[in-house]
Amino acid sequence: MNNYRSLSTLGMSLRLSRKSFRIQSQIQRPLSLRYFSDLSLHGIEKRCSGIFKGKEKNNRKFSSSAAVVSAAAKNTDVVDDLDDSTSESEYERMNLYLAINSALEIALESDPTAILFGEDVAFGGVFRCSVDLKDRFGVERVFNTPLSEQGLVAFGIGYAAMGQTAIAEVQFADYIFPAFDQIVNEAAKYRYRSGNQFNVGGLTIRAPYGAVGHGGHYHSQSPEAYFTHTPGLKVVMPRNPIEAKGLLLSAIRDPNPVIFFEPKAIYRASVADVPVGDYMIPLGKADIVKSGSDVTVQQLLKLSSLYAICYFKNASVI
C-alpha cells in the first residue's frame, strides 16, 4: 500500500496503488465505499511511469476550433460535407447511441493512451453507449468508477495533465454539479495558470442531458449554459447520429477540455446513415441547414419545432 502515485487537484486527492483505488474527499454527497472491483491499475501505472521525464507529452498548444490537431488524427478526414467525402458503400444505419459507441471504439483503437471511465461504463452504460468496449479493450482502459462525479472528473484531470486521453462519463448531466469546481476552476484554467506549460487538453467529459418526459428533476436538466460562459472549455451538443460521431471524435482529439452533452431523448429516436470509418466534424463551425438571404435563425439540436414556426421565404437556418 506504499506504492502510491498521486494525482491531486484542490480539495481532492486521488491515490493509485496496485491493489486498490481510493477516493478521498470531503464532498457532502455520500461516497460509495466500494473500490474499482474490476480494475487492475497495473497497466495505468505502467503507462504513467516516466511520464514526467520529458515535456513532449504535455505540449499540446491551443488551436482554433475549426482546426482539430491530434497525432491520432493524422490519417483522419476532417469533413465538411459527408455526402461528397464518403461513398455510399461506407455508410451504416445507426441511431445516435450506436454512433457514440462507434466513435468511442475508434478513439480507443486509434489512441493507446485513451481510457474510458464512469459510473456503470464497464457493462455498457445505462444508455448502452459503451457496450462491448470493455470486452474489446480490457478493464484497464474501460472501467467503472465509484459514485462520485467530483472524483471521476478529478481523476480525468490528473490523467490528462500527464499528456494522456481521458474520456469521462457523467451518467446524467444533472449530476455534473458536484464536479463543477473541478471543471471550471481546474480543467478550464489549467493551461492559463501554468503559462501554457501544462494543459488538460486530453480531457473529454460526456454527459446525457435533457428531458424525456418522465425523468423528474434529477434526470431532466440541461446545464450547458453554465459551462458555455467559462473560458477554457468547449461545449458540444450533437443533433443527429452523423454529427454525434464526427463531433465526439473531434472533441476527444481537440487540444482543449471539452464537455460533450448527448441528447438522451433522441438516443434511439434519431437514425441516419453514418460513415463507418474514422472522420471528424470541425468544432466551432456552423452547419447551414437551409440557405437564405434575409433572416438568420440559429437553433440547437432538433429542428422539427423550428420549422413549425419558421416560414421566412429567404431565411437562413444554422
C-alpha atoms as a PDB file:
ATOM      1  CA  MET A   1       0.000   0.000   0.000  1.00  0.00           C
ATOM      2  CA  ASN A   2       3.032   2.278  -0.006  1.00  0.00           C
ATOM      3  CA  ASN A   3       3.385   2.223  -3.764  1.00  0.00           C
ATOM      4  CA  TYR A   4       1.162   5.243  -4.278  1.00  0.00           C
ATOM      5  CA  ARG A   5       1.177   7.538  -7.242  1.00  0.00           C
ATOM      6  CA  SER A   6      -0.745  10.742  -6.578  1.00  0.00           C
ATOM      7  CA  LEU A   7      -2.881  12.800  -8.902  1.00  0.00           C
ATOM      8  CA  SER A   8      -4.073  15.834  -6.974  1.00  0.00           C
ATOM      9  CA  THR A   9      -6.211  18.875  -7.525  1.00  0.00           C
ATOM     10  CA  LEU A  10      -7.620  21.348  -5.000  1.00  0.00           C
ATOM     11  CA  GLY A  11      -9.663  19.640  -2.325  1.00  0.00           C
ATOM     12  CA  MET A  12      -9.234  16.204  -3.870  1.00  0.00           C
ATOM     13  CA  SER A  13      -6.570  13.532  -3.606  1.00  0.00           C
ATOM     14  CA  LEU A  14      -6.651  10.537  -5.871  1.00  0.00           C
ATOM     15  CA  ARG A  15      -4.211   7.836  -4.892  1.00  0.00           C
ATOM     16  CA  LEU A  16      -3.376   4.878  -7.058  1.00  0.00           C
ATOM     17  CA  SER A  17      -1.941   1.613  -5.833  1.00  0.00           C
ATOM     18  CA  ARG A  18      -1.547  -1.746  -7.481  1.00  0.00           C
ATOM     19  CA  LYS A  19      -4.101  -3.206  -5.104  1.00  0.00           C
ATOM     20  CA  SER A  20      -6.781  -0.550  -4.772  1.00  0.00           C
ATOM     21  CA  PHE A  21      -8.073   2.794  -5.933  1.00  0.00           C
ATOM     22  CA  ARG A  22      -9.467   5.027  -3.231  1.00  0.00           C
ATOM     23  CA  ILE A  23     -11.024   8.430  -3.461  1.00  0.00           C
ATOM     24  CA  GLN A  24     -10.610  10.750  -0.519  1.00  0.00           C
ATOM     25  CA  SER A  25     -12.936  13.734  -0.497  1.00  0.00           C
ATOM     26  CA  GLN A  26     -14.932  15.969   1.788  1.00  0.00           C
ATOM     27  CA  ILE A  27     -17.908  16.300  -0.534  1.00  0.00           C
ATOM     28  CA  GLN A  28     -21.325  16.136   1.070  1.00  0.00           C
ATOM     29  CA  ARG A  29     -22.810  13.599  -1.300  1.00  0.00           C
ATOM     30  CA  PRO A  30     -22.411  10.056   0.101  1.00  0.00           C
ATOM     31  CA  LEU A  31     -19.488   8.291  -1.490  1.00  0.00           C
ATOM     32  CA  SER A  32     -19.595   4.657  -2.427  1.00  0.00           C
ATOM     33  CA  LEU A  33     -17.170   2.675  -0.305  1.00  0.00           C
ATOM     34  CA  ARG A  34     -16.601   0.063  -2.943  1.00  0.00           C
ATOM     35  CA  TYR A  35     -13.355   0.035  -4.866  1.00  0.00           C
ATOM     36  CA  PHE A  36     -12.965  -0.436  -8.594  1.00  0.00           C
ATOM     37  CA  SER A  37     -13.805  -4.134  -8.349  1.00  0.00           C
ATOM     38  CA  ASP A  38     -12.889  -4.985 -11.927  1.00  0.00           C
ATOM     39  CA  LEU A  39      -9.967  -2.618 -12.435  1.00  0.00           C
ATOM     40  CA  SER A  40      -6.333  -3.606 -12.378  1.00  0.00           C
ATOM     41  CA  LEU A  41      -4.256  -0.443 -12.220  1.00  0.00           C
ATOM     42  CA  HIS A  42      -1.020  -2.101 -13.185  1.00  0.00           C
ATOM     43  CA  GLY A  43      -1.435  -1.038 -16.811  1.00  0.00           C
ATOM     44  CA  ILE A  44      -2.312   2.554 -15.917  1.00  0.00           C
ATOM     45  CA  GLU A  45       0.653   2.872 -13.569  1.00  0.00           C
ATOM     46  CA  LYS A  46       2.923   1.394 -16.213  1.00  0.00           C
ATOM     47  CA  ARG A  47       1.786   3.929 -18.788  1.00  0.00           C
ATOM     48  CA  CYS A  48       2.115   6.776 -16.303  1.00  0.00           C
ATOM     49  CA  SER A  49       5.606   5.818 -15.162  1.00  0.00           C
ATOM     50  CA  GLY A  50       8.246   8.091 -16.549  1.00  0.00           C
ATOM     51  CA  ILE A  51       5.669  10.488 -17.904  1.00  0.00           C
ATOM     52  CA  PHE A  52       7.400  13.462 -16.336  1.00  0.00           C
ATOM     53  CA  LYS A  53      10.815  12.618 -17.777  1.00  0.00           C
ATOM     54  CA  GLY A  54      10.126  14.973 -20.667  1.00  0.00           C
ATOM     55  CA  LYS A  55       7.703  17.672 -21.609  1.00  0.00           C
ATOM     56  CA  GLU A  56       6.979  16.283 -25.050  1.00  0.00           C
ATOM     57  CA  LYS A  57       3.797  14.571 -23.875  1.00  0.00           C
ATOM     58  CA  ASN A  58       2.376  17.731 -22.388  1.00  0.00           C
ATOM     59  CA  ASN A  59       2.934  20.278 -25.086  1.00  0.00           C
ATOM     60  CA  ARG A  60      -0.490  20.456 -26.711  1.00  0.00           C
ATOM     61  CA  LYS A  61      -0.915  24.014 -27.938  1.00  0.00           C
ATOM     62  CA  PHE A  62      -4.120  25.971 -28.281  1.00  0.00           C
ATOM     63  CA  SER A  63      -5.592  25.981 -31.759  1.00  0.00           C
ATOM     64  CA  SER A  64      -8.703  27.381 -33.371  1.00  0.00           C
ATOM     65  CA  SER A  65     -11.919  25.417 -33.078  1.00  0.00           C
ATOM     66  CA  ALA A  66     -12.030  24.661 -36.773  1.00  0.00           C
ATOM     67  CA  ALA A  67      -8.582  23.079 -36.847  1.00  0.00           C
ATOM     68  CA  VAL A  68      -8.532  19.847 -34.877  1.00  0.00           C
ATOM     69  CA  VAL A  69      -4.914  18.970 -34.177  1.00  0.00           C
ATOM     70  CA  SER A  70      -4.062  15.498 -32.951  1.00  0.00           C
ATOM     71  CA  ALA A  71      -1.395  12.913 -33.529  1.00  0.00           C
ATOM     72  CA  ALA A  72      -4.142  10.312 -33.573  1.00  0.00           C
ATOM     73  CA  ALA A  73      -5.926  12.213 -36.326  1.00  0.00           C
ATOM     74  CA  LYS A  74      -3.076  12.411 -38.841  1.00  0.00           C
ATOM     75  CA  ASN A  75      -4.718   9.823 -41.076  1.00  0.00           C
ATOM     76  CA  THR A  76      -8.242  11.008 -40.379  1.00  0.00           C
ATOM     77  CA  ASP A  77     -10.509  13.068 -42.600  1.00  0.00           C
ATOM     78  CA  VAL A  78     -11.915  16.319 -41.252  1.00  0.00           C
ATOM     79  CA  VAL A  79     -15.077  16.539 -43.288  1.00  0.00           C
ATOM     80  CA  ASP A  80     -17.447  19.368 -44.116  1.00  0.00           C
ATOM     81  CA  ASP A  81     -19.795  17.525 -46.480  1.00  0.00           C
ATOM     82  CA  LEU A  82     -20.175  13.848 -45.701  1.00  0.00           C
ATOM     83  CA  ASP A  83     -22.136  13.184 -48.898  1.00  0.00           C
ATOM     84  CA  ASP A  84     -19.194  14.303 -51.033  1.00  0.00           C
ATOM     85  CA  SER A  85     -16.414  12.716 -48.961  1.00  0.00           C
ATOM     86  CA  THR A  86     -17.831   9.274 -48.233  1.00  0.00           C
ATOM     87  CA  SER A  87     -19.071   6.737 -50.756  1.00  0.00           C
ATOM     88  CA  GLU A  88     -22.431   5.049 -50.383  1.00  0.00           C
ATOM     89  CA  SER A  89     -20.899   1.691 -49.508  1.00  0.00           C
ATOM     90  CA  GLU A  90     -19.152   3.161 -46.441  1.00  0.00           C
ATOM     91  CA  TYR A  91     -22.369   4.075 -44.625  1.00  0.00           C
ATOM     92  CA  GLU A  92     -24.216   2.089 -41.973  1.00  0.00           C
ATOM     93  CA  ARG A  93     -27.651   2.695 -40.495  1.00  0.00           C
ATOM     94  CA  MET A  94     -27.197   3.801 -36.866  1.00  0.00           C
ATOM     95  CA  ASN A  95     -29.134   5.566 -34.178  1.00  0.00           C
ATOM     96  CA  LEU A  96     -27.433   8.161 -32.003  1.00  0.00           C
ATOM     97  CA  TYR A  97     -26.228   5.870 -29.220  1.00  0.00           C
ATOM     98  CA  LEU A  98     -24.704   3.429 -31.720  1.00  0.00           C
ATOM     99  CA  ALA A  99     -22.896   6.343 -33.377  1.00  0.00           C
ATOM    100  CA  ILE A 100     -21.497   7.335 -29.978  1.00  0.00           C
ATOM    101  CA  ASN A 101     -20.374   3.757 -29.417  1.00  0.00           C
ATOM    102  CA  SER A 102     -18.665   3.691 -32.807  1.00  0.00           C
ATOM    103  CA  ALA A 103     -16.821   6.942 -32.057  1.00  0.00           C
ATOM    104  CA  LEU A 104     -15.626   5.654 -28.676  1.00  0.00           C
ATOM    105  CA  GLU A 105     -14.408   2.430 -30.252  1.00  0.00           C
ATOM    106  CA  ILE A 106     -12.407   4.342 -32.868  1.00  0.00           C
ATOM    107  CA  ALA A 107     -10.964   6.699 -30.251  1.00  0.00           C
ATOM    108  CA  LEU A 108      -9.783   3.821 -28.062  1.00  0.00           C
ATOM    109  CA  GLU A 109      -8.401   1.926 -31.032  1.00  0.00           C
ATOM    110  CA  SER A 110      -6.511   4.859 -32.555  1.00  0.00           C
ATOM    111  CA  ASP A 111      -5.064   6.229 -29.294  1.00  0.00           C
ATOM    112  CA  PRO A 112      -3.340   3.703 -26.982  1.00  0.00           C
ATOM    113  CA  THR A 113      -3.360   6.211 -24.098  1.00  0.00           C
ATOM    114  CA  ALA A 114      -7.133   6.710 -24.226  1.00  0.00           C
ATOM    115  CA  ILE A 115      -9.221   5.381 -21.331  1.00  0.00           C
ATOM    116  CA  LEU A 116     -12.999   5.421 -20.845  1.00  0.00           C
ATOM    117  CA  PHE A 117     -14.427   5.517 -17.345  1.00  0.00           C
ATOM    118  CA  GLY A 118     -17.525   6.466 -15.369  1.00  0.00           C
ATOM    119  CA  GLU A 119     -20.390   5.026 -13.385  1.00  0.00           C
ATOM    120  CA  ASP A 120     -21.508   1.704 -14.925  1.00  0.00           C
ATOM    121  CA  VAL A 121     -19.440   2.299 -18.066  1.00  0.00           C
ATOM    122  CA  ALA A 122     -17.832  -1.148 -17.966  1.00  0.00           C
ATOM    123  CA  PHE A 123     -21.078  -3.048 -18.503  1.00  0.00           C
ATOM    124  CA  GLY A 124     -22.149  -0.711 -21.313  1.00  0.00           C
ATOM    125  CA  GLY A 125     -23.663   2.255 -19.516  1.00  0.00           C
ATOM    126  CA  VAL A 126     -27.294   2.939 -18.721  1.00  0.00           C
ATOM    127  CA  PHE A 127     -27.873   4.040 -22.335  1.00  0.00           C
ATOM    128  CA  ARG A 128     -25.589   1.316 -23.797  1.00  0.00           C
ATOM    129  CA  CYS A 129     -23.172   3.799 -25.360  1.00  0.00           C
ATOM    130  CA  SER A 130     -20.118   1.856 -24.170  1.00  0.00           C
ATOM    131  CA  VAL A 131     -21.460  -1.658 -24.735  1.00  0.00           C
ATOM    132  CA  ASP A 132     -18.826  -4.310 -25.598  1.00  0.00           C
ATOM    133  CA  LEU A 133     -15.925  -1.856 -25.248  1.00  0.00           C
ATOM    134  CA  LYS A 134     -14.612  -3.403 -22.023  1.00  0.00           C
ATOM    135  CA  ASP A 135     -14.519  -6.824 -23.661  1.00  0.00           C
ATOM    136  CA  ARG A 136     -12.522  -5.482 -26.571  1.00  0.00           C
ATOM    137  CA  PHE A 137     -10.105  -3.127 -24.809  1.00  0.00           C
ATOM    138  CA  GLY A 138      -9.907  -4.621 -21.315  1.00  0.00           C
ATOM    139  CA  VAL A 139     -10.669  -3.448 -17.796  1.00  0.00           C
ATOM    140  CA  GLU A 140      -7.545  -1.304 -17.656  1.00  0.00           C
ATOM    141  CA  ARG A 141      -8.940   1.002 -20.336  1.00  0.00           C
ATOM    142  CA  VAL A 142     -12.718   0.773 -19.863  1.00  0.00           C
ATOM    143  CA  PHE A 143     -13.774   0.669 -16.225  1.00  0.00           C
ATOM    144  CA  ASN A 144     -16.325   1.698 -13.619  1.00  0.00           C
ATOM    145  CA  THR A 145     -15.784   4.391 -11.022  1.00  0.00           C
ATOM    146  CA  PRO A 146     -17.302   4.950  -7.588  1.00  0.00           C
ATOM    147  CA  LEU A 147     -20.400   7.144  -7.366  1.00  0.00           C
ATOM    148  CA  SER A 148     -18.531  10.435  -7.197  1.00  0.00           C
ATOM    149  CA  GLU A 149     -18.693  12.869 -10.090  1.00  0.00           C
ATOM    150  CA  GLN A 150     -16.179  15.121  -8.391  1.00  0.00           C
ATOM    151  CA  GLY A 151     -13.824  12.192  -8.004  1.00  0.00           C
ATOM    152  CA  LEU A 152     -14.052  10.813 -11.523  1.00  0.00           C
ATOM    153  CA  VAL A 153     -13.620  14.253 -13.120  1.00  0.00           C
ATOM    154  CA  ALA A 154     -10.640  14.991 -10.854  1.00  0.00           C
ATOM    155  CA  PHE A 155      -9.134  11.664 -11.874  1.00  0.00           C
ATOM    156  CA  GLY A 156      -9.630  12.598 -15.527  1.00  0.00           C
ATOM    157  CA  ILE A 157      -7.912  15.951 -14.967  1.00  0.00           C
ATOM    158  CA  GLY A 158      -4.916  14.266 -13.384  1.00  0.00           C
ATOM    159  CA  TYR A 159      -4.678  11.674 -16.138  1.00  0.00           C
ATOM    160  CA  ALA A 160      -4.996  14.278 -18.914  1.00  0.00           C
ATOM    161  CA  ALA A 161      -2.425  16.518 -17.207  1.00  0.00           C
ATOM    162  CA  MET A 162       0.149  13.811 -17.918  1.00  0.00           C
ATOM    163  CA  GLY A 163      -0.493  14.012 -21.655  1.00  0.00           C
ATOM    164  CA  GLN A 164      -2.957  11.138 -21.842  1.00  0.00           C
ATOM    165  CA  THR A 165      -6.503  10.972 -23.243  1.00  0.00           C
ATOM    166  CA  ALA A 166      -9.255  10.743 -20.623  1.00  0.00           C
ATOM    167  CA  ILE A 167     -12.871  10.160 -21.657  1.00  0.00           C
ATOM    168  CA  ALA A 168     -15.062  10.552 -18.579  1.00  0.00           C
ATOM    169  CA  GLU A 169     -18.785   9.858 -18.442  1.00  0.00           C
ATOM    170  CA  VAL A 170     -21.128  11.597 -16.018  1.00  0.00           C
ATOM    171  CA  GLN A 171     -24.108   9.261 -16.045  1.00  0.00           C
ATOM    172  CA  PHE A 172     -26.675  12.083 -16.133  1.00  0.00           C
ATOM    173  CA  ALA A 173     -25.867  15.743 -16.742  1.00  0.00           C
ATOM    174  CA  ASP A 174     -27.961  16.625 -13.677  1.00  0.00           C
ATOM    175  CA  TYR A 175     -25.201  15.142 -11.511  1.00  0.00           C
ATOM    176  CA  ILE A 176     -22.377  17.160 -13.043  1.00  0.00           C
ATOM    177  CA  PHE A 177     -22.717  19.875 -10.406  1.00  0.00           C
ATOM    178  CA  PRO A 178     -20.620  18.144  -7.692  1.00  0.00           C
ATOM    179  CA  ALA A 179     -17.795  18.304 -10.267  1.00  0.00           C
ATOM    180  CA  PHE A 180     -18.427  21.958 -11.141  1.00  0.00           C
ATOM    181  CA  ASP A 181     -15.395  23.252  -9.237  1.00  0.00           C
ATOM    182  CA  GLN A 182     -13.110  20.654 -10.805  1.00  0.00           C
ATOM    183  CA  ILE A 183     -14.334  21.527 -14.306  1.00  0.00           C
ATOM    184  CA  VAL A 184     -14.497  25.327 -14.028  1.00  0.00           C
ATOM    185  CA  ASN A 185     -11.615  26.089 -11.672  1.00  0.00           C
ATOM    186  CA  GLU A 186      -9.251  23.257 -12.528  1.00  0.00           C
ATOM    187  CA  ALA A 187      -9.744  21.900 -16.048  1.00  0.00           C
ATOM    188  CA  ALA A 188     -10.705  25.186 -17.705  1.00  0.00           C
ATOM    189  CA  LYS A 189      -7.860  27.162 -16.128  1.00  0.00           C
ATOM    190  CA  TYR A 190      -5.077  24.579 -16.191  1.00  0.00           C
ATOM    191  CA  ARG A 191      -3.393  25.972 -19.306  1.00  0.00           C
ATOM    192  CA  TYR A 192      -3.748  29.621 -18.264  1.00  0.00           C
ATOM    193  CA  ARG A 193      -2.433  29.289 -14.734  1.00  0.00           C
ATOM    194  CA  SER A 194       0.645  27.396 -15.923  1.00  0.00           C
ATOM    195  CA  GLY A 195       1.502  29.943 -18.586  1.00  0.00           C
ATOM    196  CA  ASN A 196       0.757  27.369 -21.305  1.00  0.00           C
ATOM    197  CA  GLN A 197       3.350  24.980 -19.916  1.00  0.00           C
ATOM    198  CA  PHE A 198       0.769  22.356 -18.990  1.00  0.00           C
ATOM    199  CA  ASN A 199      -2.796  21.590 -20.002  1.00  0.00           C
ATOM    200  CA  VAL A 200      -5.567  19.024 -19.754  1.00  0.00           C
ATOM    201  CA  GLY A 201      -6.497  19.124 -23.430  1.00  0.00           C
ATOM    202  CA  GLY A 202      -6.877  15.344 -23.414  1.00  0.00           C
ATOM    203  CA  LEU A 203      -9.972  15.530 -21.188  1.00  0.00           C
ATOM    204  CA  THR A 204     -13.446  14.944 -22.617  1.00  0.00           C
ATOM    205  CA  ILE A 205     -16.484  14.739 -20.351  1.00  0.00           C
ATOM    206  CA  ARG A 206     -19.571  13.038 -21.787  1.00  0.00           C
ATOM    207  CA  ALA A 207     -22.983  13.564 -20.207  1.00  0.00           C
ATOM    208  CA  PRO A 208     -26.541  12.681 -21.343  1.00  0.00           C
ATOM    209  CA  TYR A 209     -28.791  15.701 -20.844  1.00  0.00           C
ATOM    210  CA  GLY A 210     -32.345  16.944 -21.297  1.00  0.00           C
ATOM    211  CA  ALA A 211     -35.862  15.821 -20.508  1.00  0.00           C
ATOM    212  CA  VAL A 212     -37.531  12.653 -21.739  1.00  0.00           C
ATOM    213  CA  GLY A 213     -40.951  13.173 -20.169  1.00  0.00           C
ATOM    214  CA  HIS A 214     -40.583  11.019 -17.071  1.00  0.00           C
ATOM    215  CA  GLY A 215     -37.154  11.809 -15.670  1.00  0.00           C
ATOM    216  CA  GLY A 216     -38.121  14.134 -12.836  1.00  0.00           C
ATOM    217  CA  HIS A 217     -35.935  16.948 -11.604  1.00  0.00           C
ATOM    218  CA  TYR A 218     -32.737  14.860 -11.308  1.00  0.00           C
ATOM    219  CA  HIS A 219     -32.840  13.358 -14.806  1.00  0.00           C
ATOM    220  CA  SER A 220     -34.164  16.167 -16.976  1.00  0.00           C
ATOM    221  CA  GLN A 221     -31.850  19.166 -16.711  1.00  0.00           C
ATOM    222  CA  SER A 222     -29.894  20.933 -19.446  1.00  0.00           C
ATOM    223  CA  PRO A 223     -26.912  22.570 -17.711  1.00  0.00           C
ATOM    224  CA  GLU A 224     -24.897  23.556 -20.798  1.00  0.00           C
ATOM    225  CA  ALA A 225     -25.317  27.314 -20.218  1.00  0.00           C
ATOM    226  CA  TYR A 226     -23.284  27.153 -17.001  1.00  0.00           C
ATOM    227  CA  PHE A 227     -20.260  25.963 -18.959  1.00  0.00           C
ATOM    228  CA  THR A 228     -20.580  27.946 -22.198  1.00  0.00           C
ATOM    229  CA  HIS A 229     -19.713  31.076 -20.196  1.00  0.00           C
ATOM    230  CA  THR A 230     -16.426  29.583 -18.955  1.00  0.00           C
ATOM    231  CA  PRO A 231     -13.251  30.478 -20.878  1.00  0.00           C
ATOM    232  CA  GLY A 232     -11.048  27.441 -21.431  1.00  0.00           C
ATOM    233  CA  LEU A 233     -13.908  24.999 -22.030  1.00  0.00           C
ATOM    234  CA  LYS A 234     -15.596  23.887 -25.224  1.00  0.00           C
ATOM    235  CA  VAL A 235     -19.190  22.669 -25.144  1.00  0.00           C
ATOM    236  CA  VAL A 236     -20.519  20.381 -27.884  1.00  0.00           C
ATOM    237  CA  MET A 237     -24.133  19.230 -28.423  1.00  0.00           C
ATOM    238  CA  PRO A 238     -24.907  16.998 -31.437  1.00  0.00           C
ATOM    239  CA  ARG A 239     -28.354  16.799 -33.004  1.00  0.00           C
ATOM    240  CA  ASN A 240     -28.168  13.558 -35.017  1.00  0.00           C
ATOM    241  CA  PRO A 241     -26.042  10.371 -35.296  1.00  0.00           C
ATOM    242  CA  ILE A 242     -23.785  11.714 -38.062  1.00  0.00           C
ATOM    243  CA  GLU A 243     -22.886  14.766 -36.017  1.00  0.00           C
ATOM    244  CA  ALA A 244     -22.634  12.755 -32.804  1.00  0.00           C
ATOM    245  CA  LYS A 245     -19.873  10.524 -34.158  1.00  0.00           C
ATOM    246  CA  GLY A 246     -17.905  13.183 -36.016  1.00  0.00           C
ATOM    247  CA  LEU A 247     -18.157  15.788 -33.273  1.00  0.00           C
ATOM    248  CA  LEU A 248     -17.283  13.323 -30.496  1.00  0.00           C
ATOM    249  CA  LEU A 249     -14.093  12.275 -32.286  1.00  0.00           C
ATOM    250  CA  SER A 250     -13.221  15.953 -32.773  1.00  0.00           C
ATOM    251  CA  ALA A 251     -13.944  16.653 -29.097  1.00  0.00           C
ATOM    252  CA  ILE A 252     -11.721  13.795 -27.919  1.00  0.00           C
ATOM    253  CA  ARG A 253      -8.855  14.941 -30.167  1.00  0.00           C
ATOM    254  CA  ASP A 254      -9.238  18.674 -29.588  1.00  0.00           C
ATOM    255  CA  PRO A 255      -6.310  20.181 -27.628  1.00  0.00           C
ATOM    256  CA  ASN A 256      -8.694  21.695 -25.074  1.00  0.00           C
ATOM    257  CA  PRO A 257     -11.032  20.200 -22.448  1.00  0.00           C
ATOM    258  CA  VAL A 258     -14.471  19.551 -23.937  1.00  0.00           C
ATOM    259  CA  ILE A 259     -17.857  18.804 -22.382  1.00  0.00           C
ATOM    260  CA  PHE A 260     -19.912  16.688 -24.765  1.00  0.00           C
ATOM    261  CA  PHE A 261     -23.619  16.802 -23.941  1.00  0.00           C
ATOM    262  CA  GLU A 262     -25.618  13.982 -25.533  1.00  0.00           C
ATOM    263  CA  PRO A 263     -29.407  14.470 -26.054  1.00  0.00           C
ATOM    264  CA  LYS A 264     -30.798  11.342 -24.444  1.00  0.00           C
ATOM    265  CA  ALA A 265     -34.288  11.983 -25.839  1.00  0.00           C
ATOM    266  CA  ILE A 266     -33.025  11.010 -29.299  1.00  0.00           C
ATOM    267  CA  TYR A 267     -30.519   8.273 -28.396  1.00  0.00           C
ATOM    268  CA  ARG A 268     -32.757   5.813 -30.248  1.00  0.00           C
ATOM    269  CA  ALA A 269     -35.234   8.121 -31.973  1.00  0.00           C
ATOM    270  CA  SER A 270     -32.707   9.753 -34.307  1.00  0.00           C
ATOM    271  CA  VAL A 271     -31.498   7.396 -37.044  1.00  0.00           C
ATOM    272  CA  ALA A 272     -29.249   8.129 -40.023  1.00  0.00           C
ATOM    273  CA  ASP A 273     -26.784   6.592 -42.456  1.00  0.00           C
ATOM    274  CA  VAL A 274     -23.477   7.162 -40.648  1.00  0.00           C
ATOM    275  CA  PRO A 275     -19.990   6.698 -42.138  1.00  0.00           C
ATOM    276  CA  VAL A 276     -18.451   3.589 -40.606  1.00  0.00           C
ATOM    277  CA  GLY A 277     -14.881   4.897 -40.743  1.00  0.00           C
ATOM    278  CA  ASP A 278     -12.905   7.488 -38.828  1.00  0.00           C
ATOM    279  CA  TYR A 279     -13.999  11.045 -39.581  1.00  0.00           C
ATOM    280  CA  MET A 280     -14.284  14.342 -37.717  1.00  0.00           C
ATOM    281  CA  ILE A 281     -16.594  17.339 -37.971  1.00  0.00           C
ATOM    282  CA  PRO A 282     -14.834  20.620 -37.086  1.00  0.00           C
ATOM    283  CA  LEU A 283     -15.790  22.262 -33.796  1.00  0.00           C
ATOM    284  CA  GLY A 284     -16.968  25.860 -33.845  1.00  0.00           C
ATOM    285  CA  LYS A 285     -18.270  25.846 -37.414  1.00  0.00           C
ATOM    286  CA  ALA A 286     -21.998  26.337 -38.045  1.00  0.00           C
ATOM    287  CA  ASP A 287     -23.932  23.832 -40.114  1.00  0.00           C
ATOM    288  CA  ILE A 288     -26.112  25.674 -42.630  1.00  0.00           C
ATOM    289  CA  VAL A 289     -29.243  23.548 -42.840  1.00  0.00           C
ATOM    290  CA  LYS A 290     -31.164  25.931 -45.100  1.00  0.00           C
ATOM    291  CA  SER A 291     -29.657  28.852 -47.023  1.00  0.00           C
ATOM    292  CA  GLY A 292     -31.359  32.235 -47.387  1.00  0.00           C
ATOM    293  CA  SER A 293     -30.645  35.935 -47.782  1.00  0.00           C
ATOM    294  CA  ASP A 294     -32.851  37.934 -45.396  1.00  0.00           C
ATOM    295  CA  VAL A 295     -33.076  36.320 -41.965  1.00  0.00           C
ATOM    296  CA  THR A 296     -30.725  34.123 -39.942  1.00  0.00           C
ATOM    297  CA  VAL A 297     -32.221  31.770 -37.366  1.00  0.00           C
ATOM    298  CA  GLN A 298     -29.884  29.884 -35.036  1.00  0.00           C
ATOM    299  CA  GLN A 299     -31.064  26.673 -33.422  1.00  0.00           C
ATOM    300  CA  LEU A 300     -29.605  23.923 -31.280  1.00  0.00           C
ATOM    301  CA  LEU A 301     -30.434  20.258 -31.743  1.00  0.00           C
ATOM    302  CA  LYS A 302     -33.739  19.105 -33.213  1.00  0.00           C
ATOM    303  CA  LEU A 303     -35.180  21.397 -35.872  1.00  0.00           C
ATOM    304  CA  SER A 304     -38.695  19.964 -36.150  1.00  0.00           C
ATOM    305  CA  SER A 305     -40.192  22.564 -33.814  1.00  0.00           C
ATOM    306  CA  LEU A 306     -38.262  25.296 -35.560  1.00  0.00           C
ATOM    307  CA  TYR A 307     -39.741  24.544 -38.961  1.00  0.00           C
ATOM    308  CA  ALA A 308     -43.222  24.762 -37.441  1.00  0.00           C
ATOM    309  CA  ILE A 309     -42.710  28.467 -36.724  1.00  0.00           C
ATOM    310  CA  CYS A 310     -40.211  29.416 -39.447  1.00  0.00           C
ATOM    311  CA  TYR A 311     -41.906  30.342 -42.731  1.00  0.00           C
ATOM    312  CA  PHE A 312     -39.483  33.015 -43.903  1.00  0.00           C
ATOM    313  CA  LYS A 313     -39.047  32.627 -47.651  1.00  0.00           C
ATOM    314  CA  ASN A 314     -35.406  33.676 -47.619  1.00  0.00           C
ATOM    315  CA  ALA A 315     -34.398  32.562 -44.133  1.00  0.00           C
ATOM    316  CA  SER A 316     -31.047  31.019 -43.313  1.00  0.00           C
ATOM    317  CA  VAL A 317     -31.203  28.275 -40.687  1.00  0.00           C
ATOM    318  CA  ILE A 318     -27.964  27.331 -38.906  1.00  0.00           C
END
